[in-house]
Every structure is written in C-alpha cells, then in structure tokens.
C-alpha cells in the first residue's frame, strides 16, 4: 500500500521517468571538464555501474525530483558526484 506522501510524489512526477543514462552523461561530462584523476574516474565509473548507484539515485529521484523546479535534484546530483570521486567517500 502506498503512503500518502508517496501518492503526492506520484502526482508531482506524473509521466517523468528516471534516466540513468542522462545522469551518467552529466557525471562523465563533468569529470572530463574537471579533468579528474584516473583513480577518481575509476571510482566514478565503478559507482555509475553499480546497483547501489541505481538504488540511491532512484530513491533520491522519487522523493526529491520536481520537473517544475529541478534545483534540489541538481544539488543532490552535485553531492553524489563529489562523494563518488573522493578517496574514502568522506563527503557521504
């Protein structure tokens, strides 16, 4: 059974669908632009290819993405990107 808050989120999201490909592109373009080290790039790729990344991003997307105002969503993506390239996930 869906909770009341989840019903509200479904109404907000309407026909929106999480695109992992779009997130991958955002992260990889940013990594290239920032010229991150090989070690950081490997950490980023390992994260993007993991089931954990899907679960985490899907959950954040469902609860925080708003197609009318994606500002909060981009803050979350920024945090996850930074955390995914740190040596020991210090920003988690």
PDB file of N, CA and C in Angstrom:
ATOM      1  N   UNK A   1       0.834  -1.179   0.000  1.00  0.00           N
ATOM      2  CA  UNK A   1       0.000   0.000   0.000  1.00  0.00           C
ATOM      3  C   UNK A   1       0.884   1.251   0.000  1.00  0.00           C
ATOM      4  N   UNK A   2       0.531   2.234  -0.809  1.00  0.00           N
ATOM      5  CA  UNK A   2       1.310   3.451  -0.939  1.00  0.00           C
ATOM      6  C   UNK A   2       0.896   4.446   0.136  1.00  0.00           C
ATOM      7  N   UNK A   3       1.916   5.051   0.774  1.00  0.00           N
ATOM      8  CA  UNK A   3       1.652   6.064   1.789  1.00  0.00           C
ATOM      9  C   UNK A   3       1.145   7.339   1.129  1.00  0.00           C
ATOM     10  N   UNK A   4       0.533   8.212   1.929  1.00  0.00           N
ATOM     11  CA  UNK A   4       0.036   9.481   1.435  1.00  0.00           C
ATOM     12  C   UNK A   4       1.113  10.322   0.770  1.00  0.00           C
ATOM     13  N   UNK A   5       2.300  10.397   1.380  1.00  0.00           N
ATOM     14  CA  UNK A   5       3.383  11.185   0.806  1.00  0.00           C
ATOM     15  C   UNK A   5       3.808  10.621  -0.545  1.00  0.00           C
ATOM     16  N   UNK A   6       3.830   9.330  -0.695  1.00  0.00           N
ATOM     17  CA  UNK A   6       4.192   8.706  -1.970  1.00  0.00           C
ATOM     18  C   UNK A   6       3.157   9.040  -3.039  1.00  0.00           C
ATOM     19  N   UNK A   7       1.897   9.055  -2.665  1.00  0.00           N
ATOM     20  CA  UNK A   7       0.844   9.442  -3.621  1.00  0.00           C
ATOM     21  C   UNK A   7       1.067  10.865  -4.125  1.00  0.00           C
ATOM     22  N   UNK A   8       1.449  11.752  -3.225  1.00  0.00           N
ATOM     23  CA  UNK A   8       1.719  13.143  -3.620  1.00  0.00           C
ATOM     24  C   UNK A   8       2.905  13.198  -4.589  1.00  0.00           C
ATOM     25  N   UNK A   9       3.934  12.417  -4.307  1.00  0.00           N
ATOM     26  CA  UNK A   9       5.110  12.381  -5.185  1.00  0.00           C
ATOM     27  C   UNK A   9       4.724  11.859  -6.572  1.00  0.00           C
ATOM     28  N   UNK A  10       3.882  10.854  -6.633  1.00  0.00           N
ATOM     29  CA  UNK A  10       3.428  10.315  -7.919  1.00  0.00           C
ATOM     30  C   UNK A  10       2.707  11.396  -8.708  1.00  0.00           C
ATOM     31  N   UNK A  11       1.896  12.199  -8.046  1.00  0.00           N
ATOM     32  CA  UNK A  11       1.196  13.294  -8.719  1.00  0.00           C
ATOM     33  C   UNK A  11       2.179  14.322  -9.262  1.00  0.00           C
ATOM     34  N   UNK A  12       3.207  14.636  -8.491  1.00  0.00           N
ATOM     35  CA  UNK A  12       4.207  15.614  -8.915  1.00  0.00           C
ATOM     36  C   UNK A  12       5.002  15.085 -10.107  1.00  0.00           C
ATOM     37  N   UNK A  13       5.387  13.823 -10.042  1.00  0.00           N
ATOM     38  CA  UNK A  13       6.227  13.243 -11.100  1.00  0.00           C
ATOM     39  C   UNK A  13       5.459  13.015 -12.400  1.00  0.00           C
ATOM     40  N   UNK A  14       4.187  12.728 -12.306  1.00  0.00           N
ATOM     41  CA  UNK A  14       3.333  12.448 -13.459  1.00  0.00           C
ATOM     42  C   UNK A  14       3.992  11.399 -14.356  1.00  0.00           C
ATOM     43  N   UNK A  15       4.351  11.756 -15.579  1.00  0.00           N
ATOM     44  CA  UNK A  15       4.925  10.796 -16.531  1.00  0.00           C
ATOM     45  C   UNK A  15       6.452  10.823 -16.574  1.00  0.00           C
ATOM     46  N   UNK A  16       7.078  11.525 -15.650  1.00  0.00           N
ATOM     47  CA  UNK A  16       8.543  11.608 -15.636  1.00  0.00           C
ATOM     48  C   UNK A  16       9.148  10.237 -15.330  1.00  0.00           C
ATOM     49  N   UNK A  17      10.302   9.979 -15.923  1.00  0.00           N
ATOM     50  CA  UNK A  17      10.993   8.706 -15.725  1.00  0.00           C
ATOM     51  C   UNK A  17      12.461   8.999 -15.429  1.00  0.00           C
ATOM     52  N   UNK A  18      13.014   8.329 -14.438  1.00  0.00           N
ATOM     53  CA  UNK A  18      14.427   8.464 -14.120  1.00  0.00           C
ATOM     54  C   UNK A  18      15.258   7.951 -15.284  1.00  0.00           C
ATOM     55  N   UNK A  19      16.225   8.735 -15.726  1.00  0.00           N
ATOM     56  CA  UNK A  19      17.118   8.316 -16.801  1.00  0.00           C
ATOM     57  C   UNK A  19      18.533   8.183 -16.255  1.00  0.00           C
ATOM     58  N   UNK A  20      18.953   6.945 -16.036  1.00  0.00           N
ATOM     59  CA  UNK A  20      20.316   6.711 -15.574  1.00  0.00           C
ATOM     60  C   UNK A  20      21.314   7.141 -16.649  1.00  0.00           C
ATOM     61  N   UNK A  21      20.947   7.008 -17.905  1.00  0.00           N
ATOM     62  CA  UNK A  21      21.823   7.429 -18.997  1.00  0.00           C
ATOM     63  C   UNK A  21      22.080   8.930 -18.920  1.00  0.00           C
ATOM     64  N   UNK A  22      21.052   9.704 -18.626  1.00  0.00           N
ATOM     65  CA  UNK A  22      21.217  11.155 -18.510  1.00  0.00           C
ATOM     66  C   UNK A  22      22.145  11.496 -17.339  1.00  0.00           C
ATOM     67  N   UNK A  23      21.981  10.796 -16.227  1.00  0.00           N
ATOM     68  CA  UNK A  23      22.846  11.037 -15.065  1.00  0.00           C
ATOM     69  C   UNK A  23      24.286  10.651 -15.395  1.00  0.00           C
ATOM     70  N   UNK A  24      24.469   9.507 -16.036  1.00  0.00           N
ATOM     71  CA  UNK A  24      25.813   9.091 -16.449  1.00  0.00           C
ATOM     72  C   UNK A  24      26.461  10.166 -17.303  1.00  0.00           C
ATOM     73  N   UNK A  25      25.718  10.702 -18.254  1.00  0.00           N
ATOM     74  CA  UNK A  25      26.245  11.738 -19.147  1.00  0.00           C
ATOM     75  C   UNK A  25      26.630  12.996 -18.363  1.00  0.00           C
ATOM     76  N   UNK A  26      25.793  13.414 -17.436  1.00  0.00           N
ATOM     77  CA  UNK A  26      26.087  14.595 -16.613  1.00  0.00           C
ATOM     78  C   UNK A  26      27.380  14.383 -15.839  1.00  0.00           C
ATOM     79  N   UNK A  27      27.495  13.233 -15.182  1.00  0.00           N
ATOM     80  CA  UNK A  27      28.671  12.945 -14.360  1.00  0.00           C
ATOM     81  C   UNK A  27      29.927  12.817 -15.210  1.00  0.00           C
ATOM     82  N   UNK A  28      29.840  12.103 -16.323  1.00  0.00           N
ATOM     83  CA  UNK A  28      31.026  11.887 -17.148  1.00  0.00           C
ATOM     84  C   UNK A  28      31.492  13.170 -17.841  1.00  0.00           C
ATOM     85  N   UNK A  29      30.556  13.993 -18.284  1.00  0.00           N
ATOM     86  CA  UNK A  29      30.932  15.285 -18.885  1.00  0.00           C
ATOM     87  C   UNK A  29      31.604  16.174 -17.843  1.00  0.00           C
ATOM     88  N   UNK A  30      31.064  16.159 -16.644  1.00  0.00           N
ATOM     89  CA  UNK A  30      31.660  16.970 -15.585  1.00  0.00           C
ATOM     90  C   UNK A  30      33.056  16.469 -15.242  1.00  0.00           C
ATOM     91  N   UNK A  31      33.223  15.164 -15.156  1.00  0.00           N
ATOM     92  CA  UNK A  31      34.538  14.590 -14.863  1.00  0.00           C
ATOM     93  C   UNK A  31      35.545  14.966 -15.937  1.00  0.00           C
ATOM     94  N   UNK A  32      35.124  14.910 -17.175  1.00  0.00           N
ATOM     95  CA  UNK A  32      36.009  15.275 -18.273  1.00  0.00           C
ATOM     96  C   UNK A  32      36.368  16.757 -18.199  1.00  0.00           C
ATOM     97  N   UNK A  33      35.384  17.588 -17.948  1.00  0.00           N
ATOM     98  CA  UNK A  33      35.606  19.038 -17.859  1.00  0.00           C
ATOM     99  C   UNK A  33      36.561  19.365 -16.711  1.00  0.00           C
ATOM    100  N   UNK A  34      36.407  18.667 -15.585  1.00  0.00           N
ATOM    101  CA  UNK A  34      37.243  18.903 -14.411  1.00  0.00           C
ATOM    102  C   UNK A  34      38.581  18.175 -14.484  1.00  0.00           C
ATOM    103  N   UNK A  35      38.738  17.345 -15.488  1.00  0.00           N
ATOM    104  CA  UNK A  35      39.977  16.573 -15.670  1.00  0.00           C
ATOM    105  C   UNK A  35      40.387  15.844 -14.393  1.00  0.00           C
ATOM    106  N   UNK A  36      39.450  15.055 -13.879  1.00  0.00           N
ATOM    107  CA  UNK A  36      39.729  14.329 -12.643  1.00  0.00           C
ATOM    108  C   UNK A  36      40.788  13.259 -12.902  1.00  0.00           C
ATOM    109  N   UNK A  37      41.433  12.824 -11.850  1.00  0.00           N
ATOM    110  CA  UNK A  37      42.497  11.819 -11.966  1.00  0.00           C
ATOM    111  C   UNK A  37      41.934  10.476 -12.421  1.00  0.00           C
ATOM    112  N   UNK A  38      42.817   9.607 -12.876  1.00  0.00           N
ATOM    113  CA  UNK A  38      42.397   8.267 -13.293  1.00  0.00           C
ATOM    114  C   UNK A  38      41.744   7.505 -12.150  1.00  0.00           C
ATOM    115  N   UNK A  39      42.302   7.627 -10.950  1.00  0.00           N
ATOM    116  CA  UNK A  39      41.723   6.944  -9.790  1.00  0.00           C
ATOM    117  C   UNK A  39      40.298   7.432  -9.510  1.00  0.00           C
ATOM    118  N   UNK A  40      40.100   8.733  -9.603  1.00  0.00           N
ATOM    119  CA  UNK A  40      38.764   9.282  -9.390  1.00  0.00           C
ATOM    120  C   UNK A  40      37.813   8.839 -10.496  1.00  0.00           C
ATOM    121  N   UNK A  41      38.302   8.808 -11.721  1.00  0.00           N
ATOM    122  CA  UNK A  41      37.467   8.369 -12.848  1.00  0.00           C
ATOM    123  C   UNK A  41      37.040   6.921 -12.674  1.00  0.00           C
ATOM    124  N   UNK A  42      37.942   6.083 -12.199  1.00  0.00           N
ATOM    125  CA  UNK A  42      37.616   4.675 -11.960  1.00  0.00           C
ATOM    126  C   UNK A  42      36.564   4.553 -10.859  1.00  0.00           C
ATOM    127  N   UNK A  43      36.733   5.328  -9.786  1.00  0.00           N
ATOM    128  CA  UNK A  43      35.727   5.315  -8.712  1.00  0.00           C
ATOM    129  C   UNK A  43      34.367   5.746  -9.250  1.00  0.00           C
ATOM    130  N   UNK A  44      34.364   6.785 -10.082  1.00  0.00           N
ATOM    131  CA  UNK A  44      33.111   7.280 -10.645  1.00  0.00           C
ATOM    132  C   UNK A  44      32.464   6.219 -11.530  1.00  0.00           C
ATOM    133  N   UNK A  45      33.235   5.602 -12.396  1.00  0.00           N
ATOM    134  CA  UNK A  45      32.697   4.565 -13.281  1.00  0.00           C
ATOM    135  C   UNK A  45      32.197   3.366 -12.485  1.00  0.00           C
ATOM    136  N   UNK A  46      32.948   2.965 -11.472  1.00  0.00           N
ATOM    137  CA  UNK A  46      32.501   1.847 -10.628  1.00  0.00           C
ATOM    138  C   UNK A  46      31.180   2.182  -9.944  1.00  0.00           C
ATOM    139  N   UNK A  47      31.068   3.410  -9.473  1.00  0.00           N
ATOM    140  CA  UNK A  47      29.812   3.817  -8.838  1.00  0.00           C
ATOM    141  C   UNK A  47      28.674   3.810  -9.853  1.00  0.00           C
ATOM    142  N   UNK A  48      28.888   4.422 -11.008  1.00  0.00           N
ATOM    143  CA  UNK A  48      27.828   4.515 -12.007  1.00  0.00           C
ATOM    144  C   UNK A  48      27.372   3.143 -12.499  1.00  0.00           C
ATOM    145  N   UNK A  49      28.262   2.169 -12.483  1.00  0.00           N
ATOM    146  CA  UNK A  49      27.924   0.828 -12.957  1.00  0.00           C
ATOM    147  C   UNK A  49      27.416  -0.091 -11.854  1.00  0.00           C
ATOM    148  N   UNK A  50      27.241   0.440 -10.672  1.00  0.00           N
ATOM    149  CA  UNK A  50      26.822  -0.401  -9.550  1.00  0.00           C
ATOM    150  C   UNK A  50      25.314  -0.368  -9.345  1.00  0.00           C
ATOM    151  N   UNK A  51      24.833  -1.423  -8.739  1.00  0.00           N
ATOM    152  CA  UNK A  51      23.419  -1.475  -8.357  1.00  0.00           C
ATOM    153  C   UNK A  51      23.128  -0.423  -7.293  1.00  0.00           C
ATOM    154  N   UNK A  52      24.120  -0.165  -6.432  1.00  0.00           N
ATOM    155  CA  UNK A  52      23.964   0.836  -5.382  1.00  0.00           C
ATOM    156  C   UNK A  52      23.635   2.206  -5.964  1.00  0.00           C
ATOM    157  N   UNK A  53      24.278   2.551  -7.072  1.00  0.00           N
ATOM    158  CA  UNK A  53      24.006   3.863  -7.669  1.00  0.00           C
ATOM    159  C   UNK A  53      22.557   3.940  -8.146  1.00  0.00           C
ATOM    160  N   UNK A  54      22.082   2.876  -8.763  1.00  0.00           N
ATOM    161  CA  UNK A  54      20.698   2.880  -9.221  1.00  0.00           C
ATOM    162  C   UNK A  54      19.734   3.022  -8.056  1.00  0.00           C
ATOM    163  N   UNK A  55      19.940   2.214  -7.013  1.00  0.00           N
ATOM    164  CA  UNK A  55      19.044   2.275  -5.854  1.00  0.00           C
ATOM    165  C   UNK A  55      19.056   3.660  -5.212  1.00  0.00           C
ATOM    166  N   UNK A  56      20.247   4.203  -5.024  1.00  0.00           N
ATOM    167  CA  UNK A  56      20.367   5.510  -4.387  1.00  0.00           C
ATOM    168  C   UNK A  56      19.733   6.603  -5.246  1.00  0.00           C
ATOM    169  N   UNK A  57      20.089   6.630  -6.514  1.00  0.00           N
ATOM    170  CA  UNK A  57      19.577   7.681  -7.390  1.00  0.00           C
ATOM    171  C   UNK A  57      18.075   7.550  -7.625  1.00  0.00           C
ATOM    172  N   UNK A  58      17.595   6.327  -7.718  1.00  0.00           N
ATOM    173  CA  UNK A  58      16.156   6.130  -7.891  1.00  0.00           C
ATOM    174  C   UNK A  58      15.392   6.650  -6.681  1.00  0.00           C
ATOM    175  N   UNK A  59      15.898   6.364  -5.505  1.00  0.00           N
ATOM    176  CA  UNK A  59      15.238   6.818  -4.281  1.00  0.00           C
ATOM    177  C   UNK A  59      15.262   8.344  -4.194  1.00  0.00           C
ATOM    178  N   UNK A  60      16.424   8.945  -4.388  1.00  0.00           N
ATOM    179  CA  UNK A  60      16.507  10.406  -4.346  1.00  0.00           C
ATOM    180  C   UNK A  60      15.623  11.033  -5.417  1.00  0.00           C
ATOM    181  N   UNK A  61      15.643  10.445  -6.609  1.00  0.00           N
ATOM    182  CA  UNK A  61      14.845  10.989  -7.710  1.00  0.00           C
ATOM    183  C   UNK A  61      13.357  10.961  -7.338  1.00  0.00           C
ATOM    184  N   UNK A  62      12.907   9.829  -6.830  1.00  0.00           N
ATOM    185  CA  UNK A  62      11.482   9.716  -6.497  1.00  0.00           C
ATOM    186  C   UNK A  62      11.079  10.743  -5.437  1.00  0.00           C
ATOM    187  N   UNK A  63      11.885  10.907  -4.421  1.00  0.00           N
ATOM    188  CA  UNK A  63      11.482  11.771  -3.311  1.00  0.00           C
ATOM    189  C   UNK A  63      11.814  13.244  -3.512  1.00  0.00           C
ATOM    190  N   UNK A  64      12.778  13.572  -4.376  1.00  0.00           N
ATOM    191  CA  UNK A  64      13.209  14.966  -4.460  1.00  0.00           C
ATOM    192  C   UNK A  64      13.096  15.610  -5.841  1.00  0.00           C
ATOM    193  N   UNK A  65      12.969  14.843  -6.898  1.00  0.00           N
ATOM    194  CA  UNK A  65      12.905  15.440  -8.229  1.00  0.00           C
ATOM    195  C   UNK A  65      11.556  16.113  -8.439  1.00  0.00           C
ATOM    196  N   UNK A  66      11.607  17.319  -8.941  1.00  0.00           N
ATOM    197  CA  UNK A  66      10.385  18.048  -9.286  1.00  0.00           C
ATOM    198  C   UNK A  66      10.600  18.618 -10.683  1.00  0.00           C
ATOM    199  N   UNK A  67       9.861  18.135 -11.690  1.00  0.00           N
ATOM    200  CA  UNK A  67      10.078  18.605 -13.056  1.00  0.00           C
ATOM    201  C   UNK A  67       9.863  20.104 -13.229  1.00  0.00           C
ATOM    202  N   UNK A  68       9.104  20.714 -12.335  1.00  0.00           N
ATOM    203  CA  UNK A  68       8.861  22.166 -12.425  1.00  0.00           C
ATOM    204  C   UNK A  68       9.984  22.977 -11.795  1.00  0.00           C
ATOM    205  N   UNK A  69      10.778  22.332 -10.922  1.00  0.00           N
ATOM    206  CA  UNK A  69      11.861  23.020 -10.224  1.00  0.00           C
ATOM    207  C   UNK A  69      12.941  22.002  -9.842  1.00  0.00           C
ATOM    208  N   UNK A  70      13.834  21.674 -10.766  1.00  0.00           N
ATOM    209  CA  UNK A  70      14.831  20.626 -10.512  1.00  0.00           C
ATOM    210  C   UNK A  70      16.026  21.078  -9.673  1.00  0.00           C
ATOM    211  N   UNK A  71      15.974  22.275  -9.096  1.00  0.00           N
ATOM    212  CA  UNK A  71      17.110  22.819  -8.337  1.00  0.00           C
ATOM    213  C   UNK A  71      17.590  21.862  -7.241  1.00  0.00           C
ATOM    214  N   UNK A  72      16.681  21.354  -6.431  1.00  0.00           N
ATOM    215  CA  UNK A  72      17.047  20.421  -5.352  1.00  0.00           C
ATOM    216  C   UNK A  72      17.677  19.146  -5.916  1.00  0.00           C
ATOM    217  N   UNK A  73      17.148  18.657  -7.015  1.00  0.00           N
ATOM    218  CA  UNK A  73      17.670  17.444  -7.655  1.00  0.00           C
ATOM    219  C   UNK A  73      19.121  17.659  -8.078  1.00  0.00           C
ATOM    220  N   UNK A  74      19.431  18.816  -8.644  1.00  0.00           N
ATOM    221  CA  UNK A  74      20.804  19.079  -9.084  1.00  0.00           C
ATOM    222  C   UNK A  74      21.751  19.259  -7.903  1.00  0.00           C
ATOM    223  N   UNK A  75      21.259  19.750  -6.780  1.00  0.00           N
ATOM    224  CA  UNK A  75      22.081  19.808  -5.569  1.00  0.00           C
ATOM    225  C   UNK A  75      22.441  18.396  -5.111  1.00  0.00           C
ATOM    226  N   UNK A  76      21.465  17.502  -5.171  1.00  0.00           N
ATOM    227  CA  UNK A  76      21.700  16.106  -4.774  1.00  0.00           C
ATOM    228  C   UNK A  76      22.701  15.457  -5.726  1.00  0.00           C
ATOM    229  N   UNK A  77      22.520  15.662  -7.031  1.00  0.00           N
ATOM    230  CA  UNK A  77      23.466  15.096  -8.004  1.00  0.00           C
ATOM    231  C   UNK A  77      24.869  15.640  -7.772  1.00  0.00           C
ATOM    232  N   UNK A  78      24.982  16.911  -7.461  1.00  0.00           N
ATOM    233  CA  UNK A  78      26.288  17.510  -7.184  1.00  0.00           C
ATOM    234  C   UNK A  78      26.951  16.824  -5.997  1.00  0.00           C
ATOM    235  N   UNK A  79      26.197  16.615  -4.938  1.00  0.00           N
ATOM    236  CA  UNK A  79      26.733  15.938  -3.746  1.00  0.00           C
ATOM    237  C   UNK A  79      27.166  14.510  -4.079  1.00  0.00           C
ATOM    238  N   UNK A  80      26.335  13.785  -4.788  1.00  0.00           N
ATOM    239  CA  UNK A  80      26.651  12.392  -5.119  1.00  0.00           C
ATOM    240  C   UNK A  80      27.877  12.325  -6.028  1.00  0.00           C
ATOM    241  N   UNK A  81      27.973  13.219  -6.981  1.00  0.00           N
ATOM    242  CA  UNK A  81      29.144  13.257  -7.864  1.00  0.00           C
ATOM    243  C   UNK A  81      30.413  13.481  -7.043  1.00  0.00           C
ATOM    244  N   UNK A  82      30.409  14.506  -6.212  1.00  0.00           N
ATOM    245  CA  UNK A  82      31.595  14.809  -5.409  1.00  0.00           C
ATOM    246  C   UNK A  82      31.962  13.637  -4.505  1.00  0.00           C
ATOM    247  N   UNK A  83      30.952  13.062  -3.887  1.00  0.00           N
ATOM    248  CA  UNK A  83      31.199  11.938  -2.983  1.00  0.00           C
ATOM    249  C   UNK A  83      31.746  10.722  -3.732  1.00  0.00           C
ATOM    250  N   UNK A  84      31.256  10.517  -4.947  1.00  0.00           N
ATOM    251  CA  UNK A  84      31.659   9.312  -5.687  1.00  0.00           C
ATOM    252  C   UNK A  84      33.106   9.351  -6.161  1.00  0.00           C
ATOM    253  N   UNK A  85      33.728  10.527  -6.185  1.00  0.00           N
ATOM    254  CA  UNK A  85      35.125  10.595  -6.642  1.00  0.00           C
ATOM    255  C   UNK A  85      36.115  10.808  -5.505  1.00  0.00           C
ATOM    256  N   UNK A  86      35.626  10.927  -4.264  1.00  0.00           N
ATOM    257  CA  UNK A  86      36.538  11.104  -3.137  1.00  0.00           C
ATOM    258  C   UNK A  86      37.147   9.752  -2.764  1.00  0.00           C
ATOM    259  N   UNK A  87      38.368   9.787  -2.242  1.00  0.00           N
ATOM    260  CA  UNK A  87      39.065   8.520  -1.944  1.00  0.00           C
ATOM    261  C   UNK A  87      38.314   7.593  -1.005  1.00  0.00           C
ATOM    262  N   UNK A  88      37.710   8.113   0.041  1.00  0.00           N
ATOM    263  CA  UNK A  88      37.045   7.240   1.013  1.00  0.00           C
ATOM    264  C   UNK A  88      35.618   7.678   1.283  1.00  0.00           C
ATOM    265  N   UNK A  89      34.983   8.263   0.283  1.00  0.00           N
ATOM    266  CA  UNK A  89      33.611   8.718   0.429  1.00  0.00           C
ATOM    267  C   UNK A  89      33.446   9.646   1.626  1.00  0.00           C
ATOM    268  N   UNK A  90      34.439  10.523   1.841  1.00  0.00           N
ATOM    269  CA  UNK A  90      34.418  11.418   3.006  1.00  0.00           C
ATOM    270  C   UNK A  90      33.209  12.341   2.999  1.00  0.00           C
ATOM    271  N   UNK A  91      32.652  12.615   1.832  1.00  0.00           N
ATOM    272  CA  UNK A  91      31.545  13.561   1.777  1.00  0.00           C
ATOM    273  C   UNK A  91      30.202  12.888   1.952  1.00  0.00           C
ATOM    274  N   UNK A  92      30.181  11.633   2.256  1.00  0.00           N
ATOM    275  CA  UNK A  92      28.927  10.902   2.386  1.00  0.00           C
ATOM    276  C   UNK A  92      28.122  11.375   3.555  1.00  0.00           C
TER     277      UNK A  92
END
